[in-house]
C-alpha atoms as a PDB file:
ATOM      1  CA  MET A   1       0.000   0.000   0.000  1.00  0.00           C
ATOM      2  CA  LEU A   2       1.095   3.528  -0.734  1.00  0.00           C
ATOM      3  CA  LEU A   3      -0.340   6.883   0.372  1.00  0.00           C
ATOM      4  CA  ALA A   4       0.113   9.904  -1.883  1.00  0.00           C
ATOM      5  CA  THR A   5      -1.161  13.467  -1.940  1.00  0.00           C
ATOM      6  CA  THR A   6      -1.310  16.335  -4.417  1.00  0.00           C
ATOM      7  CA  THR A   7      -3.202  19.537  -5.089  1.00  0.00           C
ATOM      8  CA  ILE A   8      -5.461  19.873  -8.115  1.00  0.00           C
ATOM      9  CA  ALA A   9      -7.272  22.649  -9.955  1.00  0.00           C
ATOM     10  CA  ASP A  10     -10.643  20.897 -10.358  1.00  0.00           C
ATOM     11  CA  PHE A  11     -11.711  17.544  -8.904  1.00  0.00           C
ATOM     12  CA  ASP A  12     -13.999  16.479 -11.771  1.00  0.00           C
ATOM     13  CA  SER A  13     -11.381  17.267 -14.426  1.00  0.00           C
ATOM     14  CA  TRP A  14      -8.723  15.475 -12.399  1.00  0.00           C
ATOM     15  CA  MET A  15     -10.945  12.403 -11.967  1.00  0.00           C
ATOM     16  CA  LYS A  16     -11.516  12.161 -15.741  1.00  0.00           C
ATOM     17  CA  VAL A  17      -7.770  11.710 -16.295  1.00  0.00           C
ATOM     18  CA  PHE A  18      -7.121   9.765 -13.074  1.00  0.00           C
ATOM     19  CA  GLY A  19      -9.805   7.229 -13.974  1.00  0.00           C
ATOM     20  CA  THR A  20      -8.740   6.703 -17.608  1.00  0.00           C
ATOM     21  CA  THR A  21      -5.304   7.404 -19.111  1.00  0.00           C
ATOM     22  CA  SER A  22      -3.607   7.692 -15.736  1.00  0.00           C
ATOM     23  CA  ALA A  23      -5.242   4.442 -14.572  1.00  0.00           C
ATOM     24  CA  GLU A  24      -3.988   2.628 -17.663  1.00  0.00           C
ATOM     25  CA  LYS A  25      -0.451   3.893 -17.054  1.00  0.00           C
ATOM     26  CA  ARG A  26      -0.579   3.006 -13.318  1.00  0.00           C
ATOM     27  CA  LYS A  27      -1.790  -0.493 -14.166  1.00  0.00           C
ATOM     28  CA  LYS A  28       1.182  -0.894 -16.539  1.00  0.00           C
ATOM     29  CA  TYR A  29       3.441  -0.347 -13.522  1.00  0.00           C
ATOM     30  CA  GLY A  30       1.613  -2.755 -11.218  1.00  0.00           C
ATOM     31  CA  SER A  31      -1.013  -0.639  -9.458  1.00  0.00           C
ATOM     32  CA  LYS A  32      -3.993  -2.781  -8.459  1.00  0.00           C
ATOM     33  CA  GLY A  33      -6.344   0.072  -7.567  1.00  0.00           C
ATOM     34  CA  ALA A  34      -6.821   3.224  -5.536  1.00  0.00           C
ATOM     35  CA  MET A  35      -9.056   4.827  -2.920  1.00  0.00           C
ATOM     36  CA  ILE A  36      -9.416   8.588  -3.273  1.00  0.00           C
ATOM     37  CA  PHE A  37     -10.099  10.997  -0.429  1.00  0.00           C
ATOM     38  CA  ARG A  38     -10.761  14.734  -0.564  1.00  0.00           C
ATOM     39  CA  ASP A  39      -9.098  16.811   2.116  1.00  0.00           C
ATOM     40  CA  PRO A  40     -11.654  18.435   4.456  1.00  0.00           C
ATOM     41  CA  ASN A  41      -9.386  21.417   5.131  1.00  0.00           C
ATOM     42  CA  GLU A  42      -7.941  22.071   1.670  1.00  0.00           C
ATOM     43  CA  ALA A  43     -10.499  21.992  -1.134  1.00  0.00           C
ATOM     44  CA  ASP A  44      -7.820  21.527  -3.774  1.00  0.00           C
ATOM     45  CA  ARG A  45      -6.006  18.595  -2.073  1.00  0.00           C
ATOM     46  CA  VAL A  46      -6.639  14.901  -2.652  1.00  0.00           C
ATOM     47  CA  TRP A  47      -5.184  11.905  -0.807  1.00  0.00           C
ATOM     48  CA  VAL A  48      -4.949   8.552  -2.557  1.00  0.00           C
ATOM     49  CA  ILE A  49      -4.263   5.125  -1.077  1.00  0.00           C
ATOM     50  CA  PHE A  50      -2.867   2.910  -3.808  1.00  0.00           C
ATOM     51  CA  ASP A  51      -2.648  -0.860  -3.806  1.00  0.00           C
ATOM     52  CA  TRP A  52       0.854  -0.549  -5.225  1.00  0.00           C
ATOM     53  CA  ASP A  53       4.463  -1.064  -4.234  1.00  0.00           C
ATOM     54  CA  GLN A  54       7.125   1.629  -4.004  1.00  0.00           C
ATOM     55  CA  ALA A  55       9.054   0.296  -7.029  1.00  0.00           C
ATOM     56  CA  GLY A  56       5.960   0.529  -9.248  1.00  0.00           C
ATOM     57  CA  TRP A  57       5.289   4.062  -8.003  1.00  0.00           C
ATOM     58  CA  GLN A  58       8.865   5.104  -8.785  1.00  0.00           C
ATOM     59  CA  ASN A  59       8.633   3.625 -12.285  1.00  0.00           C
ATOM     60  CA  PHE A  60       5.358   5.477 -12.857  1.00  0.00           C
ATOM     61  CA  VAL A  61       6.642   8.887 -11.742  1.00  0.00           C
ATOM     62  CA  SER A  62       9.843   8.355 -13.778  1.00  0.00           C
ATOM     63  CA  ASP A  63       7.932   7.657 -16.997  1.00  0.00           C
ATOM     64  CA  PRO A  64       8.387  10.644 -19.372  1.00  0.00           C
ATOM     65  CA  GLU A  65       4.738  10.369 -20.487  1.00  0.00           C
ATOM     66  CA  VAL A  66       3.474  11.015 -16.949  1.00  0.00           C
ATOM     67  CA  PRO A  67       4.236  14.764 -16.455  1.00  0.00           C
ATOM     68  CA  PRO A  68       2.108  15.861 -19.456  1.00  0.00           C
ATOM     69  CA  MET A  69      -0.657  13.551 -18.202  1.00  0.00           C
ATOM     70  CA  LEU A  70      -0.529  15.155 -14.750  1.00  0.00           C
ATOM     71  CA  LYS A  71      -0.579  18.616 -16.302  1.00  0.00           C
ATOM     72  CA  ALA A  72      -3.663  17.672 -18.353  1.00  0.00           C
ATOM     73  CA  ALA A  73      -5.313  16.449 -15.143  1.00  0.00           C
ATOM     74  CA  GLY A  74      -4.803  19.851 -13.528  1.00  0.00           C
ATOM     75  CA  HIS A  75      -2.190  19.030 -10.906  1.00  0.00           C
ATOM     76  CA  LYS A  76      -1.093  22.185  -9.105  1.00  0.00           C
ATOM     77  CA  SER A  77       1.716  20.456  -7.221  1.00  0.00           C
ATOM     78  CA  LYS A  78       3.915  17.419  -7.662  1.00  0.00           C
ATOM     79  CA  ALA A  79       2.342  14.251  -6.281  1.00  0.00           C
ATOM     80  CA  GLN A  80       4.181  13.052  -3.200  1.00  0.00           C
ATOM     81  CA  SER A  81       4.191   9.618  -1.643  1.00  0.00           C
ATOM     82  CA  LEU A  82       4.306   9.466   2.127  1.00  0.00           C
ATOM     83  CA  THR A  83       6.567   7.240   4.165  1.00  0.00           C
ATOM     84  CA  LEU A  84       4.960   4.651   6.420  1.00  0.00           C
ATOM     85  CA  ALA A  85       5.947   5.546   9.979  1.00  0.00           C
ATOM     86  CA  ALA A  86       4.490   2.566  11.864  1.00  0.00           C
ATOM     87  CA  GLU A  87       1.903  -0.203  11.846  1.00  0.00           C
ATOM     88  CA  CYS A  88      -0.215  -1.411  14.730  1.00  0.00           C
ATOM     89  CA  GLU A  89      -2.999  -3.903  15.205  1.00  0.00           C
ATOM     90  CA  ALA A  90      -6.549  -2.878  16.028  1.00  0.00           C
END
């Protein structure tokens, strides 16, 4: 699992790209799916939990076709993955 965040210009426009061309590209690099959350304090921020490993993420963000795709989606900032700090049961 991988948690990432970014800021976007418009959620609906972003979702159109995220759910189509971006999804196809993520799948190519091993992503098995994503859960999307909207930030309650920042209207232009989304948080995404990916069923994906770090190597696949790195390959995706290194792909030269990805930056134009992110621009078309309306990203206002570079997507950042977060580092897992700890795990605990229950």
